[in-house]
Amino acid sequence: MKTAIVHHPIYQKHETGPGHPETPERYRTVIEALKSDGPLWSSIIEITPEKAGQGVVQAAHTKEHFRRIENAVANGLDRLDSDTVISMASFDAALYAAGGAITAVDAIMQGEAENAFVAARPPGHHATAEHAMGFCLFNNVAVAARYAQNKYKEINRVAIIDWDVHHGNGTQGIFYSDPSVFFFSMHQYPWYPGTGSRGETGQGKGLGTTLNVPMKAFTKARDQRSTFESAIEEMASKATPDIIFISAGFDAHLADPLGQLQLEDTDFAALTRVVKDWAAEACAGRIVSCLEGGYNLQTLGETVRSHVAELSA
């Protein structure tokens, strides 16, 4: 199985300042861990992305949101809210992060790879159509999902799986009324940002295409894995996607400082395997996985390596 790793050095130039958990070291830690596994690194395809264009980003975000980020960086502002810090390179890094997810779509659809992992930062799943929040500027997965639908006639239905410890409120909101995108989030609840209850299932034509599986703090890993498998079975009974995106947050790891779930590396590999099996049946194995959370620098690299190793197995 061909797996692509999409990354760009500008991802480490999005500076967030001392003490911020979403640090440039996250990118360096991930890439170093992947490169340290010689057989794995030699088997994958390394791809450098281009920037996402304004029109592509605005397929998932408002024009006002795009300009707000651009102007904030140009005017030297250092934060968009109490959590979401920016620096001189943040606007470009965010465009390259969205561009990384788009590049992964192209690599898969053009036969260069079967699946891909995008080691992007800033992350994206909290960014709504109108606002940056929760460390996120543009919603990388949402931008890429819209891009895939708009560019490739083979892509009609999309599934997005979000296993970050925090609910992917931005992604949910962007597609909440859209029956062509099935969104599934498994997350600690109640927890930041306070959304993601079982009752949030979509609206209008999109009613029934959002599935939230809230988990209590300190849920045992085996129970979370079983719940995840059941949720994927439920999704598969309702939708046959043409491509699957993963908002791959690794802050559900038991050692992560920003969550209280109990997953370990083997559990993330098992979740990856479940998604791979579904993708093999539904969409010729097409998976784009994008880095979201994961803030323990001592564990993050090996956790991501386990995820990518399973993608490439």
C-alpha atoms as a PDB file:
ATOM      1  CA  MET A   1       0.000   0.000   0.000  1.00  0.00           C
ATOM      2  CA  LYS A   2       1.413   3.383  -1.043  1.00  0.00           C
ATOM      3  CA  THR A   3       1.281   5.992   1.700  1.00  0.00           C
ATOM      4  CA  ALA A   4       2.241   9.626   1.167  1.00  0.00           C
ATOM      5  CA  ILE A   5       3.578  11.942   3.860  1.00  0.00           C
ATOM      6  CA  VAL A   6       2.711  15.548   3.068  1.00  0.00           C
ATOM      7  CA  HIS A   7       4.628  18.217   4.974  1.00  0.00           C
ATOM      8  CA  HIS A   8       6.348  21.574   4.622  1.00  0.00           C
ATOM      9  CA  PRO A   9       9.016  23.312   6.752  1.00  0.00           C
ATOM     10  CA  ILE A  10       6.776  26.366   7.079  1.00  0.00           C
ATOM     11  CA  TYR A  11       4.630  24.363   9.485  1.00  0.00           C
ATOM     12  CA  GLN A  12       7.245  24.970  12.162  1.00  0.00           C
ATOM     13  CA  LYS A  13       7.285  28.735  11.497  1.00  0.00           C
ATOM     14  CA  HIS A  14       3.796  29.217  12.921  1.00  0.00           C
ATOM     15  CA  GLU A  15       5.041  30.509  16.279  1.00  0.00           C
ATOM     16  CA  THR A  16       2.736  30.361  19.278  1.00  0.00           C
ATOM     17  CA  GLY A  17       5.048  31.580  22.041  1.00  0.00           C
ATOM     18  CA  PRO A  18       6.389  30.114  25.283  1.00  0.00           C
ATOM     19  CA  GLY A  19       4.108  27.736  27.122  1.00  0.00           C
ATOM     20  CA  HIS A  20       1.567  27.286  24.355  1.00  0.00           C
ATOM     21  CA  PRO A  21       0.765  23.590  23.831  1.00  0.00           C
ATOM     22  CA  GLU A  22       0.406  23.884  20.039  1.00  0.00           C
ATOM     23  CA  THR A  23       4.126  24.409  19.548  1.00  0.00           C
ATOM     24  CA  PRO A  24       6.408  24.141  16.486  1.00  0.00           C
ATOM     25  CA  GLU A  25       8.133  21.237  18.252  1.00  0.00           C
ATOM     26  CA  ARG A  26       5.048  19.147  17.486  1.00  0.00           C
ATOM     27  CA  TYR A  27       5.916  19.205  13.783  1.00  0.00           C
ATOM     28  CA  ARG A  28       9.589  18.475  14.366  1.00  0.00           C
ATOM     29  CA  THR A  29       8.768  15.639  16.748  1.00  0.00           C
ATOM     30  CA  VAL A  30       6.445  13.999  14.246  1.00  0.00           C
ATOM     31  CA  ILE A  31       8.818  14.209  11.297  1.00  0.00           C
ATOM     32  CA  GLU A  32      11.804  13.026  13.333  1.00  0.00           C
ATOM     33  CA  ALA A  33       9.847  10.021  14.601  1.00  0.00           C
ATOM     34  CA  LEU A  34       8.774   9.049  11.106  1.00  0.00           C
ATOM     35  CA  LYS A  35      12.294   9.409   9.734  1.00  0.00           C
ATOM     36  CA  SER A  36      13.717   7.373  12.607  1.00  0.00           C
ATOM     37  CA  ASP A  37      11.847   4.326  11.306  1.00  0.00           C
ATOM     38  CA  GLY A  38      14.067   3.606   8.317  1.00  0.00           C
ATOM     39  CA  PRO A  39      11.965   0.863   6.693  1.00  0.00           C
ATOM     40  CA  LEU A  40       8.788   2.921   7.075  1.00  0.00           C
ATOM     41  CA  TRP A  41      10.311   6.153   5.778  1.00  0.00           C
ATOM     42  CA  SER A  42      11.869   4.401   2.794  1.00  0.00           C
ATOM     43  CA  SER A  43       8.502   2.887   1.868  1.00  0.00           C
ATOM     44  CA  ILE A  44       6.484   6.105   1.819  1.00  0.00           C
ATOM     45  CA  ILE A  45       6.220   8.939  -0.658  1.00  0.00           C
ATOM     46  CA  GLU A  46       7.316  12.336   0.621  1.00  0.00           C
ATOM     47  CA  ILE A  47       5.364  15.246  -0.896  1.00  0.00           C
ATOM     48  CA  THR A  48       5.794  18.999  -0.455  1.00  0.00           C
ATOM     49  CA  PRO A  49       2.510  20.893  -0.876  1.00  0.00           C
ATOM     50  CA  GLU A  50       1.657  24.214  -2.435  1.00  0.00           C
ATOM     51  CA  LYS A  51      -0.423  26.936  -0.806  1.00  0.00           C
ATOM     52  CA  ALA A  52      -4.176  26.638  -0.948  1.00  0.00           C
ATOM     53  CA  GLY A  53      -5.662  29.424  -3.031  1.00  0.00           C
ATOM     54  CA  GLN A  54      -8.168  31.900  -1.655  1.00  0.00           C
ATOM     55  CA  GLY A  55     -11.027  30.505  -3.729  1.00  0.00           C
ATOM     56  CA  VAL A  56     -10.357  26.971  -2.549  1.00  0.00           C
ATOM     57  CA  VAL A  57     -10.299  28.042   1.102  1.00  0.00           C
ATOM     58  CA  GLN A  58     -13.496  30.021   0.642  1.00  0.00           C
ATOM     59  CA  ALA A  59     -15.331  26.898  -0.453  1.00  0.00           C
ATOM     60  CA  ALA A  60     -15.382  26.120   3.284  1.00  0.00           C
ATOM     61  CA  HIS A  61     -14.938  29.587   4.824  1.00  0.00           C
ATOM     62  CA  THR A  62     -16.452  33.010   4.310  1.00  0.00           C
ATOM     63  CA  LYS A  63     -14.577  35.735   2.493  1.00  0.00           C
ATOM     64  CA  GLU A  64     -14.674  37.776   5.697  1.00  0.00           C
ATOM     65  CA  HIS A  65     -12.975  35.011   7.646  1.00  0.00           C
ATOM     66  CA  PHE A  66     -10.194  34.678   5.079  1.00  0.00           C
ATOM     67  CA  ARG A  67      -9.568  38.434   5.107  1.00  0.00           C
ATOM     68  CA  ARG A  68      -9.705  38.583   8.914  1.00  0.00           C
ATOM     69  CA  ILE A  69      -6.854  36.075   9.209  1.00  0.00           C
ATOM     70  CA  GLU A  70      -4.858  37.739   6.448  1.00  0.00           C
ATOM     71  CA  ASN A  71      -5.270  41.214   7.948  1.00  0.00           C
ATOM     72  CA  ALA A  72      -4.576  40.115  11.506  1.00  0.00           C
ATOM     73  CA  VAL A  73      -1.213  38.687  10.491  1.00  0.00           C
ATOM     74  CA  ALA A  74      -0.394  41.619   8.220  1.00  0.00           C
ATOM     75  CA  ASN A  75      -1.173  44.063  11.034  1.00  0.00           C
ATOM     76  CA  GLY A  76       1.060  42.235  13.485  1.00  0.00           C
ATOM     77  CA  LEU A  77      -1.634  41.005  15.875  1.00  0.00           C
ATOM     78  CA  ASP A  78      -0.423  38.230  18.136  1.00  0.00           C
ATOM     79  CA  ARG A  79      -3.687  36.402  18.798  1.00  0.00           C
ATOM     80  CA  LEU A  80      -7.191  35.942  17.431  1.00  0.00           C
ATOM     81  CA  ASP A  81      -8.641  34.842  20.761  1.00  0.00           C
ATOM     82  CA  SER A  82      -7.253  33.757  24.128  1.00  0.00           C
ATOM     83  CA  ASP A  83      -6.201  30.348  22.749  1.00  0.00           C
ATOM     84  CA  THR A  84      -5.424  31.065  19.106  1.00  0.00           C
ATOM     85  CA  VAL A  85      -2.039  32.727  18.761  1.00  0.00           C
ATOM     86  CA  ILE A  86      -0.584  33.982  15.481  1.00  0.00           C
ATOM     87  CA  SER A  87       2.789  35.244  14.260  1.00  0.00           C
ATOM     88  CA  MET A  88       4.291  36.660  11.080  1.00  0.00           C
ATOM     89  CA  ALA A  89       4.296  33.321   9.222  1.00  0.00           C
ATOM     90  CA  SER A  90       0.924  32.080  10.479  1.00  0.00           C
ATOM     91  CA  PHE A  91      -1.178  33.084   7.466  1.00  0.00           C
ATOM     92  CA  ASP A  92       1.187  31.358   5.043  1.00  0.00           C
ATOM     93  CA  ALA A  93       1.493  28.326   7.330  1.00  0.00           C
ATOM     94  CA  ALA A  94      -2.301  28.044   7.455  1.00  0.00           C
ATOM     95  CA  LEU A  95      -2.544  28.229   3.665  1.00  0.00           C
ATOM     96  CA  TYR A  96       0.113  25.533   3.358  1.00  0.00           C
ATOM     97  CA  ALA A  97      -1.710  23.430   5.961  1.00  0.00           C
ATOM     98  CA  ALA A  98      -4.908  23.534   3.931  1.00  0.00           C
ATOM     99  CA  GLY A  99      -2.758  23.063   0.835  1.00  0.00           C
ATOM    100  CA  GLY A 100      -1.257  19.953   2.389  1.00  0.00           C
ATOM    101  CA  ALA A 101      -4.667  18.336   2.713  1.00  0.00           C
ATOM    102  CA  ILE A 102      -5.488  19.326  -0.868  1.00  0.00           C
ATOM    103  CA  THR A 103      -2.176  17.929  -2.119  1.00  0.00           C
ATOM    104  CA  ALA A 104      -2.980  14.656  -0.370  1.00  0.00           C
ATOM    105  CA  VAL A 105      -6.303  14.486  -2.221  1.00  0.00           C
ATOM    106  CA  ASP A 106      -4.540  15.040  -5.543  1.00  0.00           C
ATOM    107  CA  ALA A 107      -1.896  12.403  -4.793  1.00  0.00           C
ATOM    108  CA  ILE A 108      -4.577   9.830  -4.086  1.00  0.00           C
ATOM    109  CA  MET A 109      -6.920  10.731  -6.914  1.00  0.00           C
ATOM    110  CA  GLN A 110      -4.075  10.801  -9.447  1.00  0.00           C
ATOM    111  CA  GLY A 111      -2.801   7.372  -8.381  1.00  0.00           C
ATOM    112  CA  GLU A 112       0.414   8.486  -6.732  1.00  0.00           C
ATOM    113  CA  ALA A 113      -0.668   7.126  -3.355  1.00  0.00           C
ATOM    114  CA  GLU A 114      -3.506   5.106  -1.894  1.00  0.00           C
ATOM    115  CA  ASN A 115      -3.643   7.042   1.358  1.00  0.00           C
ATOM    116  CA  ALA A 116      -1.824   9.966   2.954  1.00  0.00           C
ATOM    117  CA  PHE A 117      -0.896  11.553   6.250  1.00  0.00           C
ATOM    118  CA  VAL A 118      -0.608  15.350   6.393  1.00  0.00           C
ATOM    119  CA  ALA A 119       1.724  16.529   9.178  1.00  0.00           C
ATOM    120  CA  ALA A 120       0.251  20.026   9.129  1.00  0.00           C
ATOM    121  CA  ARG A 121       0.029  22.791  11.634  1.00  0.00           C
ATOM    122  CA  PRO A 122      -1.815  24.874  12.546  1.00  0.00           C
ATOM    123  CA  PRO A 123      -4.539  22.273  13.047  1.00  0.00           C
ATOM    124  CA  GLY A 124      -8.010  22.884  11.683  1.00  0.00           C
ATOM    125  CA  HIS A 125     -11.038  21.106  13.089  1.00  0.00           C
ATOM    126  CA  HIS A 126     -12.212  23.881  15.444  1.00  0.00           C
ATOM    127  CA  ALA A 127     -12.172  26.549  12.724  1.00  0.00           C
ATOM    128  CA  THR A 128     -15.736  27.367  11.707  1.00  0.00           C
ATOM    129  CA  ALA A 129     -16.818  28.892   8.425  1.00  0.00           C
ATOM    130  CA  GLU A 130     -16.661  32.330  10.065  1.00  0.00           C
ATOM    131  CA  HIS A 131     -14.162  32.132  12.942  1.00  0.00           C
ATOM    132  CA  ALA A 132     -10.745  30.870  14.022  1.00  0.00           C
ATOM    133  CA  MET A 133     -10.682  29.183  17.429  1.00  0.00           C
ATOM    134  CA  GLY A 134      -9.052  26.442  19.464  1.00  0.00           C
ATOM    135  CA  PHE A 135      -5.564  26.868  17.889  1.00  0.00           C
ATOM    136  CA  CYS A 136      -7.141  26.532  14.387  1.00  0.00           C
ATOM    137  CA  LEU A 137      -7.131  29.125  11.583  1.00  0.00           C
ATOM    138  CA  PHE A 138      -8.529  27.336   8.511  1.00  0.00           C
ATOM    139  CA  ASN A 139     -10.308  23.999   8.633  1.00  0.00           C
ATOM    140  CA  ASN A 140      -7.875  21.868   6.657  1.00  0.00           C
ATOM    141  CA  VAL A 141     -10.087  18.795   6.360  1.00  0.00           C
ATOM    142  CA  ALA A 142     -13.186  20.784   5.420  1.00  0.00           C
ATOM    143  CA  VAL A 143     -11.300  22.713   2.747  1.00  0.00           C
ATOM    144  CA  ALA A 144      -9.910  19.484   1.283  1.00  0.00           C
ATOM    145  CA  ALA A 145     -13.286  17.734   1.373  1.00  0.00           C
ATOM    146  CA  ARG A 146     -14.894  20.543  -0.606  1.00  0.00           C
ATOM    147  CA  TYR A 147     -11.930  20.585  -2.965  1.00  0.00           C
ATOM    148  CA  ALA A 148     -12.265  16.849  -3.612  1.00  0.00           C
ATOM    149  CA  GLN A 149     -15.959  17.181  -4.382  1.00  0.00           C
ATOM    150  CA  ASN A 150     -15.468  20.195  -6.628  1.00  0.00           C
ATOM    151  CA  LYS A 151     -12.474  18.903  -8.606  1.00  0.00           C
ATOM    152  CA  TYR A 152     -13.110  15.183  -9.025  1.00  0.00           C
ATOM    153  CA  LYS A 153     -16.313  13.860 -10.554  1.00  0.00           C
ATOM    154  CA  GLU A 154     -15.681  10.519  -8.822  1.00  0.00           C
ATOM    155  CA  ILE A 155     -16.035  12.188  -5.420  1.00  0.00           C
ATOM    156  CA  ASN A 156     -19.616  12.803  -4.400  1.00  0.00           C
ATOM    157  CA  ARG A 157     -19.992  11.493  -0.862  1.00  0.00           C
ATOM    158  CA  VAL A 158     -17.371  12.168   1.792  1.00  0.00           C
ATOM    159  CA  ALA A 159     -16.907  10.754   5.281  1.00  0.00           C
ATOM    160  CA  ILE A 160     -14.952  12.643   7.939  1.00  0.00           C
ATOM    161  CA  ILE A 161     -13.849  10.777  11.071  1.00  0.00           C
ATOM    162  CA  ASP A 162     -12.619  12.877  13.976  1.00  0.00           C
ATOM    163  CA  TRP A 163     -11.038  11.051  16.920  1.00  0.00           C
ATOM    164  CA  ASP A 164      -9.401  14.092  18.549  1.00  0.00           C
ATOM    165  CA  VAL A 165     -10.144  14.327  22.279  1.00  0.00           C
ATOM    166  CA  HIS A 166     -11.989  17.589  21.519  1.00  0.00           C
ATOM    167  CA  HIS A 167     -15.154  17.744  19.433  1.00  0.00           C
ATOM    168  CA  GLY A 168     -14.624  18.920  15.862  1.00  0.00           C
ATOM    169  CA  ASN A 169     -17.189  21.691  16.120  1.00  0.00           C
ATOM    170  CA  GLY A 170     -15.906  23.623  13.123  1.00  0.00           C
ATOM    171  CA  THR A 171     -16.092  20.677  10.752  1.00  0.00           C
ATOM    172  CA  GLN A 172     -19.518  19.723  12.058  1.00  0.00           C
ATOM    173  CA  GLY A 173     -20.843  23.234  11.555  1.00  0.00           C
ATOM    174  CA  ILE A 174     -19.552  23.586   8.005  1.00  0.00           C
ATOM    175  CA  PHE A 175     -21.323  20.392   6.889  1.00  0.00           C
ATOM    176  CA  TYR A 176     -24.264  20.287   9.316  1.00  0.00           C
ATOM    177  CA  SER A 177     -26.882  20.766   6.593  1.00  0.00           C
ATOM    178  CA  ASP A 178     -25.020  18.904   3.846  1.00  0.00           C
ATOM    179  CA  PRO A 179     -26.226  15.356   3.092  1.00  0.00           C
ATOM    180  CA  SER A 180     -23.150  14.654   0.933  1.00  0.00           C
ATOM    181  CA  VAL A 181     -20.736  14.779   3.904  1.00  0.00           C
ATOM    182  CA  PHE A 182     -21.061  12.329   6.808  1.00  0.00           C
ATOM    183  CA  PHE A 183     -19.291  13.637   9.912  1.00  0.00           C
ATOM    184  CA  PHE A 184     -18.426  11.417  12.874  1.00  0.00           C
ATOM    185  CA  SER A 185     -16.705  12.674  16.034  1.00  0.00           C
ATOM    186  CA  MET A 186     -15.654  10.595  19.036  1.00  0.00           C
ATOM    187  CA  HIS A 187     -14.471  12.888  21.829  1.00  0.00           C
ATOM    188  CA  GLN A 188     -14.354  13.525  25.547  1.00  0.00           C
ATOM    189  CA  TYR A 189     -17.576  15.136  26.767  1.00  0.00           C
ATOM    190  CA  PRO A 190     -18.231  17.484  28.406  1.00  0.00           C
ATOM    191  CA  TRP A 191     -14.972  19.143  27.374  1.00  0.00           C
ATOM    192  CA  TYR A 192     -13.781  21.974  25.160  1.00  0.00           C
ATOM    193  CA  PRO A 193     -15.504  23.402  23.126  1.00  0.00           C
ATOM    194  CA  GLY A 194     -18.706  22.173  24.803  1.00  0.00           C
ATOM    195  CA  THR A 195     -20.397  20.825  21.690  1.00  0.00           C
ATOM    196  CA  GLY A 196     -20.797  17.286  20.373  1.00  0.00           C
ATOM    197  CA  SER A 197     -23.737  15.794  22.254  1.00  0.00           C
ATOM    198  CA  ARG A 198     -25.558  12.725  20.965  1.00  0.00           C
ATOM    199  CA  GLY A 199     -28.466  14.960  20.011  1.00  0.00           C
ATOM    200  CA  GLU A 200     -26.457  16.860  17.407  1.00  0.00           C
ATOM    201  CA  THR A 201     -27.273  14.859  14.279  1.00  0.00           C
ATOM    202  CA  GLY A 202     -27.493  17.428  11.489  1.00  0.00           C
ATOM    203  CA  GLN A 203     -30.276  19.642  10.222  1.00  0.00           C
ATOM    204  CA  GLY A 204     -32.376  20.120   7.118  1.00  0.00           C
ATOM    205  CA  LYS A 205     -31.204  17.889   4.286  1.00  0.00           C
ATOM    206  CA  GLY A 206     -28.217  16.938   6.436  1.00  0.00           C
ATOM    207  CA  LEU A 207     -30.322  15.499   9.247  1.00  0.00           C
ATOM    208  CA  GLY A 208     -28.856  12.120  10.185  1.00  0.00           C
ATOM    209  CA  THR A 209     -25.460  12.701   8.570  1.00  0.00           C
ATOM    210  CA  THR A 210     -23.741  13.844  11.770  1.00  0.00           C
ATOM    211  CA  LEU A 211     -22.855  11.231  14.377  1.00  0.00           C
ATOM    212  CA  ASN A 212     -21.425  12.297  17.732  1.00  0.00           C
ATOM    213  CA  VAL A 213     -20.156   9.733  20.202  1.00  0.00           C
ATOM    214  CA  PRO A 214     -19.291  11.544  23.445  1.00  0.00           C
ATOM    215  CA  MET A 215     -16.996   9.678  25.833  1.00  0.00           C
ATOM    216  CA  LYS A 216     -16.712  10.183  29.573  1.00  0.00           C
ATOM    217  CA  ALA A 217     -13.324  11.106  31.003  1.00  0.00           C
ATOM    218  CA  PHE A 218     -11.200   8.071  31.881  1.00  0.00           C
ATOM    219  CA  THR A 219     -13.191   5.695  29.656  1.00  0.00           C
ATOM    220  CA  LYS A 220     -11.170   2.506  29.307  1.00  0.00           C
ATOM    221  CA  ALA A 221      -9.371   2.114  25.997  1.00  0.00           C
ATOM    222  CA  ARG A 222     -11.038  -1.207  25.162  1.00  0.00           C
ATOM    223  CA  ASP A 223     -14.468   0.353  25.651  1.00  0.00           C
ATOM    224  CA  GLN A 224     -13.582   3.311  23.474  1.00  0.00           C
ATOM    225  CA  ARG A 225     -12.293   1.028  20.734  1.00  0.00           C
ATOM    226  CA  SER A 226     -15.458  -1.068  20.848  1.00  0.00           C
ATOM    227  CA  THR A 227     -17.591   2.070  20.667  1.00  0.00           C
ATOM    228  CA  PHE A 228     -15.562   3.326  17.707  1.00  0.00           C
ATOM    229  CA  GLU A 229     -16.007   0.056  15.821  1.00  0.00           C
ATOM    230  CA  SER A 230     -19.764   0.153  16.410  1.00  0.00           C
ATOM    231  CA  ALA A 231     -19.940   3.742  15.196  1.00  0.00           C
ATOM    232  CA  ILE A 232     -18.078   2.902  11.993  1.00  0.00           C
ATOM    233  CA  GLU A 233     -20.502   0.030  11.408  1.00  0.00           C
ATOM    234  CA  GLU A 234     -23.377   2.463  11.895  1.00  0.00           C
ATOM    235  CA  MET A 235     -21.827   4.922   9.440  1.00  0.00           C
ATOM    236  CA  ALA A 236     -21.194   2.184   6.887  1.00  0.00           C
ATOM    237  CA  SER A 237     -24.843   1.157   7.062  1.00  0.00           C
ATOM    238  CA  LYS A 238     -25.904   4.694   6.155  1.00  0.00           C
ATOM    239  CA  ALA A 239     -23.254   5.919   3.738  1.00  0.00           C
ATOM    240  CA  THR A 240     -20.774   4.675   1.164  1.00  0.00           C
ATOM    241  CA  PRO A 241     -18.168   7.419   0.863  1.00  0.00           C
ATOM    242  CA  ASP A 242     -15.962   8.020  -2.151  1.00  0.00           C
ATOM    243  CA  ILE A 243     -13.122   9.223   0.093  1.00  0.00           C
ATOM    244  CA  ILE A 244     -12.542   9.244   3.855  1.00  0.00           C
ATOM    245  CA  PHE A 245     -10.822  11.973   5.840  1.00  0.00           C
ATOM    246  CA  ILE A 246      -9.466  11.521   9.355  1.00  0.00           C
ATOM    247  CA  SER A 247      -9.076  14.453  11.700  1.00  0.00           C
ATOM    248  CA  ALA A 248      -6.270  12.642  13.471  1.00  0.00           C
ATOM    249  CA  GLY A 249      -5.922  14.178  16.892  1.00  0.00           C
ATOM    250  CA  PHE A 250      -3.674  12.238  19.240  1.00  0.00           C
ATOM    251  CA  ASP A 251      -4.661  14.082  22.424  1.00  0.00           C
ATOM    252  CA  ALA A 252      -6.925  11.188  23.414  1.00  0.00           C
ATOM    253  CA  HIS A 253      -3.642   9.508  24.436  1.00  0.00           C
ATOM    254  CA  LEU A 254      -3.547   8.680  28.137  1.00  0.00           C
ATOM    255  CA  ALA A 255      -0.407  10.803  28.601  1.00  0.00           C
ATOM    256  CA  ASP A 256      -1.740  13.926  26.890  1.00  0.00           C
ATOM    257  CA  PRO A 257      -1.999  17.043  29.061  1.00  0.00           C
ATOM    258  CA  LEU A 258      -5.149  18.387  27.364  1.00  0.00           C
ATOM    259  CA  GLY A 259      -7.414  15.343  27.694  1.00  0.00           C
ATOM    260  CA  GLN A 260      -8.471  12.596  30.039  1.00  0.00           C
ATOM    261  CA  LEU A 261      -9.037   9.642  27.731  1.00  0.00           C
ATOM    262  CA  GLN A 262      -6.958   6.488  27.890  1.00  0.00           C
ATOM    263  CA  LEU A 263      -5.794   5.477  24.409  1.00  0.00           C
ATOM    264  CA  GLU A 264      -2.269   4.221  23.733  1.00  0.00           C
ATOM    265  CA  ASP A 265      -0.305   3.735  20.515  1.00  0.00           C
ATOM    266  CA  THR A 266      -1.741   0.278  19.868  1.00  0.00           C
ATOM    267  CA  ASP A 267      -5.244   1.692  20.213  1.00  0.00           C
ATOM    268  CA  PHE A 268      -4.630   4.401  17.625  1.00  0.00           C
ATOM    269  CA  ALA A 269      -3.243   1.740  15.301  1.00  0.00           C
ATOM    270  CA  ALA A 270      -6.409  -0.301  15.873  1.00  0.00           C
ATOM    271  CA  LEU A 271      -8.659   2.683  15.078  1.00  0.00           C
ATOM    272  CA  THR A 272      -6.640   3.245  11.916  1.00  0.00           C
ATOM    273  CA  ARG A 273      -7.125  -0.391  10.938  1.00  0.00           C
ATOM    274  CA  VAL A 274     -10.896  -0.113  11.328  1.00  0.00           C
ATOM    275  CA  VAL A 275     -10.983   2.918   9.049  1.00  0.00           C
ATOM    276  CA  LYS A 276      -8.696   1.210   6.535  1.00  0.00           C
ATOM    277  CA  ASP A 277     -10.992  -1.804   6.383  1.00  0.00           C
ATOM    278  CA  TRP A 278     -13.987   0.427   5.711  1.00  0.00           C
ATOM    279  CA  ALA A 279     -12.080   2.425   3.093  1.00  0.00           C
ATOM    280  CA  ALA A 280     -11.011  -0.781   1.346  1.00  0.00           C
ATOM    281  CA  GLU A 281     -14.651  -1.818   1.021  1.00  0.00           C
ATOM    282  CA  ALA A 282     -16.134   1.585   0.238  1.00  0.00           C
ATOM    283  CA  CYS A 283     -13.667   3.722  -1.693  1.00  0.00           C
ATOM    284  CA  ALA A 284     -10.633   1.808  -2.960  1.00  0.00           C
ATOM    285  CA  GLY A 285      -8.696   2.598   0.219  1.00  0.00           C
ATOM    286  CA  ARG A 286      -8.759   6.384  -0.213  1.00  0.00           C
ATOM    287  CA  ILE A 287      -7.888   7.991   3.140  1.00  0.00           C
ATOM    288  CA  VAL A 288      -6.518  11.449   3.879  1.00  0.00           C
ATOM    289  CA  SER A 289      -5.416  11.757   7.511  1.00  0.00           C
ATOM    290  CA  CYS A 290      -4.595  15.218   8.857  1.00  0.00           C
ATOM    291  CA  LEU A 291      -2.832  15.986  12.116  1.00  0.00           C
ATOM    292  CA  GLU A 292      -5.011  17.778  14.642  1.00  0.00           C
ATOM    293  CA  GLY A 293      -4.218  17.650  18.386  1.00  0.00           C
ATOM    294  CA  GLY A 294      -1.599  15.795  20.409  1.00  0.00           C
ATOM    295  CA  TYR A 295       0.469  17.797  22.860  1.00  0.00           C
ATOM    296  CA  ASN A 296       2.772  15.468  24.790  1.00  0.00           C
ATOM    297  CA  LEU A 297       6.098  15.765  22.975  1.00  0.00           C
ATOM    298  CA  GLN A 298       7.394  12.634  24.668  1.00  0.00           C
ATOM    299  CA  THR A 299       4.649  10.448  23.194  1.00  0.00           C
ATOM    300  CA  LEU A 300       3.355  12.226  20.087  1.00  0.00           C
ATOM    301  CA  GLY A 301       6.063  11.113  17.664  1.00  0.00           C
ATOM    302  CA  GLU A 302       5.715   7.415  18.367  1.00  0.00           C
ATOM    303  CA  THR A 303       1.918   7.612  18.352  1.00  0.00           C
ATOM    304  CA  VAL A 304       1.927   9.225  14.910  1.00  0.00           C
ATOM    305  CA  ARG A 305       4.508   6.700  13.714  1.00  0.00           C
ATOM    306  CA  SER A 306       2.176   3.876  14.800  1.00  0.00           C
ATOM    307  CA  HIS A 307      -0.704   5.494  12.912  1.00  0.00           C
ATOM    308  CA  VAL A 308       1.321   5.954   9.719  1.00  0.00           C
ATOM    309  CA  ALA A 309       2.785   2.458   9.957  1.00  0.00           C
ATOM    310  CA  GLU A 310      -0.756   1.071  10.048  1.00  0.00           C
ATOM    311  CA  LEU A 311      -1.777   3.235   7.094  1.00  0.00           C
ATOM    312  CA  SER A 312       1.134   1.862   5.072  1.00  0.00           C
ATOM    313  CA  ALA A 313       0.759  -1.798   6.161  1.00  0.00           C
END
